[in-house]
PDB file of N, CA and C in Angstrom:
ATOM      1  N   MET A   1      -5.556  -6.240  23.094  1.00  0.00           N
ATOM      2  CA  MET A   1      -4.525  -5.642  22.265  1.00  0.00           C
ATOM      3  C   MET A   1      -3.832  -6.749  21.462  1.00  0.00           C
ATOM      4  N   SER A   2      -3.698  -6.569  20.157  1.00  0.00           N
ATOM      5  CA  SER A   2      -3.103  -7.597  19.309  1.00  0.00           C
ATOM      6  C   SER A   2      -1.607  -7.374  19.140  1.00  0.00           C
ATOM      7  N   ASP A   3      -0.933  -8.458  18.834  1.00  0.00           N
ATOM      8  CA  ASP A   3       0.516  -8.434  18.641  1.00  0.00           C
ATOM      9  C   ASP A   3       0.827  -8.083  17.185  1.00  0.00           C
ATOM     10  N   PRO A   4       1.608  -7.011  16.933  1.00  0.00           N
ATOM     11  CA  PRO A   4       1.899  -6.628  15.544  1.00  0.00           C
ATOM     12  C   PRO A   4       2.674  -7.689  14.775  1.00  0.00           C
ATOM     13  N   ILE A   5       3.495  -8.470  15.453  1.00  0.00           N
ATOM     14  CA  ILE A   5       4.253  -9.523  14.770  1.00  0.00           C
ATOM     15  C   ILE A   5       3.293 -10.600  14.264  1.00  0.00           C
ATOM     16  N   GLU A   6       2.337 -11.004  15.104  1.00  0.00           N
ATOM     17  CA  GLU A   6       1.353 -12.003  14.677  1.00  0.00           C
ATOM     18  C   GLU A   6       0.514 -11.490  13.515  1.00  0.00           C
ATOM     19  N   GLU A   7       0.160 -10.202  13.548  1.00  0.00           N
ATOM     20  CA  GLU A   7      -0.616  -9.616  12.454  1.00  0.00           C
ATOM     21  C   GLU A   7       0.177  -9.634  11.154  1.00  0.00           C
ATOM     22  N   SER A   8       1.468  -9.306  11.204  1.00  0.00           N
ATOM     23  CA  SER A   8       2.276  -9.285   9.980  1.00  0.00           C
ATOM     24  C   SER A   8       2.439 -10.687   9.421  1.00  0.00           C
ATOM     25  N   ILE A   9       2.555 -11.698  10.293  1.00  0.00           N
ATOM     26  CA  ILE A   9       2.650 -13.078   9.822  1.00  0.00           C
ATOM     27  C   ILE A   9       1.343 -13.487   9.160  1.00  0.00           C
ATOM     28  N   ALA A  10       0.231 -13.132   9.747  1.00  0.00           N
ATOM     29  CA  ALA A  10      -1.073 -13.455   9.171  1.00  0.00           C
ATOM     30  C   ALA A  10      -1.250 -12.796   7.810  1.00  0.00           C
ATOM     31  N   LEU A  11      -0.756 -11.570   7.656  1.00  0.00           N
ATOM     32  CA  LEU A  11      -0.881 -10.869   6.377  1.00  0.00           C
ATOM     33  C   LEU A  11      -0.054 -11.548   5.299  1.00  0.00           C
ATOM     34  N   THR A  12       1.126 -12.092   5.633  1.00  0.00           N
ATOM     35  CA  THR A  12       1.963 -12.728   4.624  1.00  0.00           C
ATOM     36  C   THR A  12       1.420 -14.087   4.206  1.00  0.00           C
ATOM     37  N   LEU A  13       0.519 -14.676   4.989  1.00  0.00           N
ATOM     38  CA  LEU A  13      -0.008 -15.990   4.659  1.00  0.00           C
ATOM     39  C   LEU A  13      -1.236 -15.925   3.762  1.00  0.00           C
ATOM     40  N   THR A  14      -1.823 -14.758   3.598  1.00  0.00           N
ATOM     41  CA  THR A  14      -2.980 -14.619   2.722  1.00  0.00           C
ATOM     42  C   THR A  14      -2.618 -13.686   1.567  1.00  0.00           C
ATOM     43  N   GLU A  15      -2.793 -14.179   0.372  1.00  0.00           N
ATOM     44  CA  GLU A  15      -2.487 -13.391  -0.809  1.00  0.00           C
ATOM     45  C   GLU A  15      -3.800 -13.005  -1.486  1.00  0.00           C
ATOM     46  N   SER A  16      -3.824 -11.833  -2.100  1.00  0.00           N
ATOM     47  CA  SER A  16      -5.033 -11.419  -2.798  1.00  0.00           C
ATOM     48  C   SER A  16      -4.677 -10.843  -4.167  1.00  0.00           C
ATOM     49  N   VAL A  17      -5.579 -11.011  -5.101  1.00  0.00           N
ATOM     50  CA  VAL A  17      -5.388 -10.512  -6.460  1.00  0.00           C
ATOM     51  C   VAL A  17      -5.205  -9.000  -6.413  1.00  0.00           C
ATOM     52  N   GLY A  18      -4.215  -8.508  -7.152  1.00  0.00           N
ATOM     53  CA  GLY A  18      -3.935  -7.077  -7.204  1.00  0.00           C
ATOM     54  C   GLY A  18      -2.873  -6.638  -6.211  1.00  0.00           C
ATOM     55  N   GLU A  19      -2.522  -7.499  -5.275  1.00  0.00           N
ATOM     56  CA  GLU A  19      -1.508  -7.173  -4.267  1.00  0.00           C
ATOM     57  C   GLU A  19      -0.125  -7.169  -4.914  1.00  0.00           C
ATOM     58  N   GLU A  20       0.714  -6.218  -4.508  1.00  0.00           N
ATOM     59  CA  GLU A  20       2.086  -6.155  -5.016  1.00  0.00           C
ATOM     60  C   GLU A  20       3.008  -6.876  -4.050  1.00  0.00           C
ATOM     61  N   ILE A  21       3.835  -7.777  -4.590  1.00  0.00           N
ATOM     62  CA  ILE A  21       4.792  -8.517  -3.776  1.00  0.00           C
ATOM     63  C   ILE A  21       6.164  -8.460  -4.416  1.00  0.00           C
ATOM     64  N   THR A  22       7.202  -8.776  -3.653  1.00  0.00           N
ATOM     65  CA  THR A  22       8.567  -8.843  -4.154  1.00  0.00           C
ATOM     66  C   THR A  22       9.097 -10.239  -3.878  1.00  0.00           C
ATOM     67  N   VAL A  23       9.660 -10.868  -4.904  1.00  0.00           N
ATOM     68  CA  VAL A  23      10.184 -12.230  -4.782  1.00  0.00           C
ATOM     69  C   VAL A  23      11.562 -12.310  -5.426  1.00  0.00           C
ATOM     70  N   VAL A  24      12.289 -13.371  -5.100  1.00  0.00           N
ATOM     71  CA  VAL A  24      13.581 -13.641  -5.727  1.00  0.00           C
ATOM     72  C   VAL A  24      13.388 -14.831  -6.656  1.00  0.00           C
ATOM     73  N   ALA A  25      13.769 -14.669  -7.923  1.00  0.00           N
ATOM     74  CA  ALA A  25      13.587 -15.726  -8.922  1.00  0.00           C
ATOM     75  C   ALA A  25      14.597 -16.846  -8.703  1.00  0.00           C
ATOM     76  N   MET A  26      14.115 -18.085  -8.887  1.00  0.00           N
ATOM     77  CA  MET A  26      14.965 -19.265  -8.771  1.00  0.00           C
ATOM     78  C   MET A  26      14.955 -20.013 -10.096  1.00  0.00           C
ATOM     79  N   LYS A  27      16.025 -20.749 -10.355  1.00  0.00           N
ATOM     80  CA  LYS A  27      16.142 -21.491 -11.604  1.00  0.00           C
ATOM     81  C   LYS A  27      15.168 -22.663 -11.631  1.00  0.00           C
ATOM     82  N   SER A  28      14.503 -22.810 -12.755  1.00  0.00           N
ATOM     83  CA  SER A  28      13.577 -23.917 -12.959  1.00  0.00           C
ATOM     84  C   SER A  28      14.363 -25.192 -13.245  1.00  0.00           C
ATOM     85  N   ARG A  29      13.776 -26.321 -12.940  1.00  0.00           N
ATOM     86  CA  ARG A  29      14.438 -27.603 -13.224  1.00  0.00           C
ATOM     87  C   ARG A  29      14.468 -27.888 -14.718  1.00  0.00           C
ATOM     88  N   LYS A  30      13.451 -27.405 -15.427  1.00  0.00           N
ATOM     89  CA  LYS A  30      13.395 -27.583 -16.874  1.00  0.00           C
ATOM     90  C   LYS A  30      14.110 -26.412 -17.536  1.00  0.00           C
ATOM     91  N   GLN A  31      14.958 -26.685 -18.503  1.00  0.00           N
ATOM     92  CA  GLN A  31      15.738 -25.623 -19.127  1.00  0.00           C
ATOM     93  C   GLN A  31      14.893 -24.656 -19.937  1.00  0.00           C
ATOM     94  N   SER A  32      13.793 -25.127 -20.517  1.00  0.00           N
ATOM     95  CA  SER A  32      12.979 -24.256 -21.361  1.00  0.00           C
ATOM     96  C   SER A  32      11.940 -23.472 -20.562  1.00  0.00           C
ATOM     97  N   SER A  33      11.853 -23.707 -19.265  1.00  0.00           N
ATOM     98  CA  SER A  33      10.830 -23.056 -18.448  1.00  0.00           C
ATOM     99  C   SER A  33      11.296 -21.716 -17.903  1.00  0.00           C
ATOM    100  N   LEU A  34      10.322 -20.892 -17.546  1.00  0.00           N
ATOM    101  CA  LEU A  34      10.606 -19.623 -16.877  1.00  0.00           C
ATOM    102  C   LEU A  34      11.086 -19.895 -15.453  1.00  0.00           C
ATOM    103  N   PRO A  35      11.858 -18.966 -14.878  1.00  0.00           N
ATOM    104  CA  PRO A  35      12.181 -19.116 -13.454  1.00  0.00           C
ATOM    105  C   PRO A  35      10.894 -19.086 -12.622  1.00  0.00           C
ATOM    106  N   TYR A  36      10.995 -19.462 -11.369  1.00  0.00           N
ATOM    107  CA  TYR A  36       9.857 -19.428 -10.460  1.00  0.00           C
ATOM    108  C   TYR A  36      10.340 -18.892  -9.122  1.00  0.00           C
ATOM    109  N   SER A  37       9.451 -18.814  -8.146  1.00  0.00           N
ATOM    110  CA  SER A  37       9.832 -18.391  -6.804  1.00  0.00           C
ATOM    111  C   SER A  37       8.906 -19.072  -5.807  1.00  0.00           C
ATOM    112  N   ARG A  38       9.126 -18.808  -4.528  1.00  0.00           N
ATOM    113  CA  ARG A  38       8.263 -19.345  -3.469  1.00  0.00           C
ATOM    114  C   ARG A  38       7.960 -18.255  -2.462  1.00  0.00           C
ATOM    115  N   LEU A  39       6.761 -18.319  -1.900  1.00  0.00           N
ATOM    116  CA  LEU A  39       6.362 -17.417  -0.821  1.00  0.00           C
ATOM    117  C   LEU A  39       6.777 -18.030   0.514  1.00  0.00           C
ATOM    118  N   PRO A  40       6.846 -17.224   1.574  1.00  0.00           N
ATOM    119  CA  PRO A  40       7.160 -17.788   2.897  1.00  0.00           C
ATOM    120  C   PRO A  40       6.185 -18.892   3.319  1.00  0.00           C
ATOM    121  N   SER A  41       4.959 -18.847   2.808  1.00  0.00           N
ATOM    122  CA  SER A  41       3.956 -19.867   3.145  1.00  0.00           C
ATOM    123  C   SER A  41       4.217 -21.186   2.418  1.00  0.00           C
ATOM    124  N   GLY A  42       5.152 -21.189   1.454  1.00  0.00           N
ATOM    125  CA  GLY A  42       5.457 -22.391   0.689  1.00  0.00           C
ATOM    126  C   GLY A  42       4.801 -22.429  -0.675  1.00  0.00           C
ATOM    127  N   LYS A  43       3.872 -21.510  -0.943  1.00  0.00           N
ATOM    128  CA  LYS A  43       3.220 -21.473  -2.252  1.00  0.00           C
ATOM    129  C   LYS A  43       4.240 -21.163  -3.342  1.00  0.00           C
ATOM    130  N   ILE A  44       4.031 -21.769  -4.501  1.00  0.00           N
ATOM    131  CA  ILE A  44       4.884 -21.521  -5.659  1.00  0.00           C
ATOM    132  C   ILE A  44       4.413 -20.243  -6.344  1.00  0.00           C
ATOM    133  N   VAL A  45       5.368 -19.437  -6.794  1.00  0.00           N
ATOM    134  CA  VAL A  45       5.072 -18.213  -7.540  1.00  0.00           C
ATOM    135  C   VAL A  45       5.480 -18.459  -8.988  1.00  0.00           C
ATOM    136  N   LEU A  46       4.512 -18.395  -9.892  1.00  0.00           N
ATOM    137  CA  LEU A  46       4.770 -18.578 -11.325  1.00  0.00           C
ATOM    138  C   LEU A  46       4.626 -17.235 -12.025  1.00  0.00           C
ATOM    139  N   PHE A  47       5.563 -16.936 -12.914  1.00  0.00           N
ATOM    140  CA  PHE A  47       5.500 -15.687 -13.673  1.00  0.00           C
ATOM    141  C   PHE A  47       4.623 -15.904 -14.898  1.00  0.00           C
ATOM    142  N   GLU A  48       3.788 -14.925 -15.197  1.00  0.00           N
ATOM    143  CA  GLU A  48       2.819 -15.020 -16.293  1.00  0.00           C
ATOM    144  C   GLU A  48       3.524 -15.280 -17.621  1.00  0.00           C
ATOM    145  N   GLU A  49       3.156 -16.385 -18.278  1.00  0.00           N
ATOM    146  CA  GLU A  49       3.804 -16.763 -19.538  1.00  0.00           C
ATOM    147  C   GLU A  49       3.446 -15.850 -20.694  1.00  0.00           C
ATOM    148  N   ARG A  50       2.286 -15.224 -20.648  1.00  0.00           N
ATOM    149  CA  ARG A  50       1.837 -14.366 -21.756  1.00  0.00           C
ATOM    150  C   ARG A  50       2.510 -13.002 -21.756  1.00  0.00           C
ATOM    151  N   ASP A  51       3.202 -12.662 -20.678  1.00  0.00           N
ATOM    152  CA  ASP A  51       3.850 -11.357 -20.564  1.00  0.00           C
ATOM    153  C   ASP A  51       5.293 -11.462 -21.047  1.00  0.00           C
ATOM    154  N   PRO A  52       5.668 -10.753 -22.113  1.00  0.00           N
ATOM    155  CA  PRO A  52       7.041 -10.832 -22.624  1.00  0.00           C
ATOM    156  C   PRO A  52       8.088 -10.406 -21.584  1.00  0.00           C
ATOM    157  N   PHE A  53       7.695  -9.555 -20.649  1.00  0.00           N
ATOM    158  CA  PHE A  53       8.605  -9.085 -19.604  1.00  0.00           C
ATOM    159  C   PHE A  53       9.079 -10.257 -18.727  1.00  0.00           C
ATOM    160  N   SER A  54       8.251 -11.293 -18.598  1.00  0.00           N
ATOM    161  CA  SER A  54       8.604 -12.464 -17.790  1.00  0.00           C
ATOM    162  C   SER A  54       9.847 -13.168 -18.336  1.00  0.00           C
ATOM    163  N   TYR A  55      10.058 -13.099 -19.642  1.00  0.00           N
ATOM    164  CA  TYR A  55      11.178 -13.811 -20.259  1.00  0.00           C
ATOM    165  C   TYR A  55      12.513 -13.088 -20.038  1.00  0.00           C
ATOM    166  N   ARG A  56      12.495 -11.914 -19.453  1.00  0.00           N
ATOM    167  CA  ARG A  56      13.728 -11.196 -19.099  1.00  0.00           C
ATOM    168  C   ARG A  56      14.243 -11.594 -17.720  1.00  0.00           C
ATOM    169  N   ILE A  57      13.423 -12.304 -16.951  1.00  0.00           N
ATOM    170  CA  ILE A  57      13.784 -12.663 -15.581  1.00  0.00           C
ATOM    171  C   ILE A  57      14.817 -13.780 -15.590  1.00  0.00           C
ATOM    172  N   LYS A  58      15.869 -13.587 -14.816  1.00  0.00           N
ATOM    173  CA  LYS A  58      16.939 -14.576 -14.666  1.00  0.00           C
ATOM    174  C   LYS A  58      16.975 -15.044 -13.215  1.00  0.00           C
ATOM    175  N   PRO A  59      17.456 -16.262 -12.953  1.00  0.00           N
ATOM    176  CA  PRO A  59      17.583 -16.724 -11.569  1.00  0.00           C
ATOM    177  C   PRO A  59      18.430 -15.746 -10.744  1.00  0.00           C
ATOM    178  N   GLY A  60      17.965 -15.441  -9.547  1.00  0.00           N
ATOM    179  CA  GLY A  60      18.660 -14.500  -8.673  1.00  0.00           C
ATOM    180  C   GLY A  60      18.127 -13.080  -8.743  1.00  0.00           C
ATOM    181  N   ASP A  61      17.329 -12.774  -9.761  1.00  0.00           N
ATOM    182  CA  ASP A  61      16.749 -11.429  -9.877  1.00  0.00           C
ATOM    183  C   ASP A  61      15.720 -11.206  -8.769  1.00  0.00           C
ATOM    184  N   VAL A  62      15.647  -9.973  -8.292  1.00  0.00           N
ATOM    185  CA  VAL A  62      14.603  -9.564  -7.357  1.00  0.00           C
ATOM    186  C   VAL A  62      13.504  -8.947  -8.211  1.00  0.00           C
ATOM    187  N   VAL A  63      12.300  -9.505  -8.119  1.00  0.00           N
ATOM    188  CA  VAL A  63      11.213  -9.117  -9.012  1.00  0.00           C
ATOM    189  C   VAL A  63      10.031  -8.580  -8.209  1.00  0.00           C
ATOM    190  N   ASP A  64       9.610  -7.365  -8.546  1.00  0.00           N
ATOM    191  CA  ASP A  64       8.380  -6.792  -7.994  1.00  0.00           C
ATOM    192  C   ASP A  64       7.254  -7.215  -8.928  1.00  0.00           C
ATOM    193  N   CYS A  65       6.171  -7.743  -8.365  1.00  0.00           N
ATOM    194  CA  CYS A  65       5.081  -8.283  -9.179  1.00  0.00           C
ATOM    195  C   CYS A  65       3.729  -7.924  -8.594  1.00  0.00           C
ATOM    196  N   VAL A  66       2.718  -8.086  -9.435  1.00  0.00           N
ATOM    197  CA  VAL A  66       1.333  -7.939  -9.022  1.00  0.00           C
ATOM    198  C   VAL A  66       0.674  -9.307  -9.162  1.00  0.00           C
ATOM    199  N   ILE A  67      -0.036  -9.735  -8.124  1.00  0.00           N
ATOM    200  CA  ILE A  67      -0.695 -11.037  -8.144  1.00  0.00           C
ATOM    201  C   ILE A  67      -1.895 -10.993  -9.085  1.00  0.00           C
ATOM    202  N   LYS A  68      -1.945 -11.962 -10.011  1.00  0.00           N
ATOM    203  CA  LYS A  68      -3.034 -12.053 -10.981  1.00  0.00           C
ATOM    204  C   LYS A  68      -4.020 -13.163 -10.638  1.00  0.00           C
ATOM    205  N   ILE A  69      -3.512 -14.340 -10.220  1.00  0.00           N
ATOM    206  CA  ILE A  69      -4.360 -15.488  -9.919  1.00  0.00           C
ATOM    207  C   ILE A  69      -3.856 -16.131  -8.629  1.00  0.00           C
ATOM    208  N   VAL A  70      -4.789 -16.479  -7.734  1.00  0.00           N
ATOM    209  CA  VAL A  70      -4.437 -17.150  -6.480  1.00  0.00           C
ATOM    210  C   VAL A  70      -5.118 -18.515  -6.452  1.00  0.00           C
ATOM    211  N   LYS A  71      -4.330 -19.569  -6.283  1.00  0.00           N
ATOM    212  CA  LYS A  71      -4.823 -20.943  -6.148  1.00  0.00           C
ATOM    213  C   LYS A  71      -4.301 -21.490  -4.818  1.00  0.00           C
ATOM    214  N   PRO A  72      -4.820 -22.623  -4.347  1.00  0.00           N
ATOM    215  CA  PRO A  72      -4.388 -23.146  -3.044  1.00  0.00           C
ATOM    216  C   PRO A  72      -2.892 -23.434  -2.931  1.00  0.00           C
ATOM    217  N   SER A  73      -2.242 -23.881  -4.006  1.00  0.00           N
ATOM    218  CA  SER A  73      -0.828 -24.246  -3.898  1.00  0.00           C
ATOM    219  C   SER A  73       0.121 -23.345  -4.693  1.00  0.00           C
ATOM    220  N   TYR A  74      -0.423 -22.414  -5.477  1.00  0.00           N
ATOM    221  CA  TYR A  74       0.436 -21.524  -6.261  1.00  0.00           C
ATOM    222  C   TYR A  74      -0.275 -20.213  -6.558  1.00  0.00           C
ATOM    223  N   ILE A  75       0.538 -19.230  -7.004  1.00  0.00           N
ATOM    224  CA  ILE A  75      -0.029 -17.972  -7.499  1.00  0.00           C
ATOM    225  C   ILE A  75       0.643 -17.645  -8.826  1.00  0.00           C
ATOM    226  N   ILE A  76      -0.061 -16.908  -9.664  1.00  0.00           N
ATOM    227  CA  ILE A  76       0.518 -16.422 -10.925  1.00  0.00           C
ATOM    228  C   ILE A  76       0.626 -14.912 -10.802  1.00  0.00           C
ATOM    229  N   VAL A  77       1.805 -14.395 -11.167  1.00  0.00           N
ATOM    230  CA  VAL A  77       2.067 -12.965 -11.011  1.00  0.00           C
ATOM    231  C   VAL A  77       2.500 -12.342 -12.331  1.00  0.00           C
ATOM    232  N   LYS A  78       2.280 -11.040 -12.429  1.00  0.00           N
ATOM    233  CA  LYS A  78       2.748 -10.236 -13.573  1.00  0.00           C
ATOM    234  C   LYS A  78       3.914  -9.409 -13.070  1.00  0.00           C
ATOM    235  N   PRO A  79       5.109  -9.610 -13.636  1.00  0.00           N
ATOM    236  CA  PRO A  79       6.263  -8.824 -13.185  1.00  0.00           C
ATOM    237  C   PRO A  79       6.124  -7.354 -13.609  1.00  0.00           C
ATOM    238  N   ILE A  80       6.509  -6.442 -12.712  1.00  0.00           N
ATOM    239  CA  ILE A  80       6.452  -5.020 -13.059  1.00  0.00           C
ATOM    240  C   ILE A  80       7.816  -4.349 -12.960  1.00  0.00           C
ATOM    241  N   ARG A  81       8.742  -4.980 -12.251  1.00  0.00           N
ATOM    242  CA  ARG A  81      10.091  -4.402 -12.098  1.00  0.00           C
ATOM    243  C   ARG A  81      11.077  -5.537 -11.813  1.00  0.00           C
ATOM    244  N   ILE A  82      12.218  -5.529 -12.496  1.00  0.00           N
ATOM    245  CA  ILE A  82      13.262  -6.533 -12.274  1.00  0.00           C
ATOM    246  C   ILE A  82      14.522  -5.822 -11.800  1.00  0.00           C
ATOM    247  N   ARG A  83      15.077  -6.302 -10.700  1.00  0.00           N
ATOM    248  CA  ARG A  83      16.332  -5.743 -10.188  1.00  0.00           C
ATOM    249  C   ARG A  83      17.368  -6.857 -10.141  1.00  0.00           C
ATOM    250  N   ARG A  84      18.490  -6.624 -10.781  1.00  0.00           N
ATOM    251  CA  ARG A  84      19.577  -7.617 -10.770  1.00  0.00           C
ATOM    252  C   ARG A  84      20.329  -7.533  -9.451  1.00  0.00           C
ATOM    253  N   ARG A  85      20.738  -8.677  -8.946  1.00  0.00           N
ATOM    254  CA  ARG A  85      21.520  -8.706  -7.698  1.00  0.00           C
ATOM    255  C   ARG A  85      22.966  -8.439  -7.973  1.00  0.00           C
TER     256      ARG A  85
END
């Protein structure tokens, strides 16, 4: 019998293209850059630059996104919903 807590942790550590996730946007160090976020695994979440909706995201926003590209140290996402805190 498997432990549901261990299973949920394992699921959060593997990301797949097309998966919907929710992240909190953080301010970028560069003023001209888009905000970014981080996953619990430490991977960086970058918002798709080609999507005009990405430029509406402000630091502190809760953003629902769909994963577009998965790399070893980061993922690129397409925002689908922005909620202000």
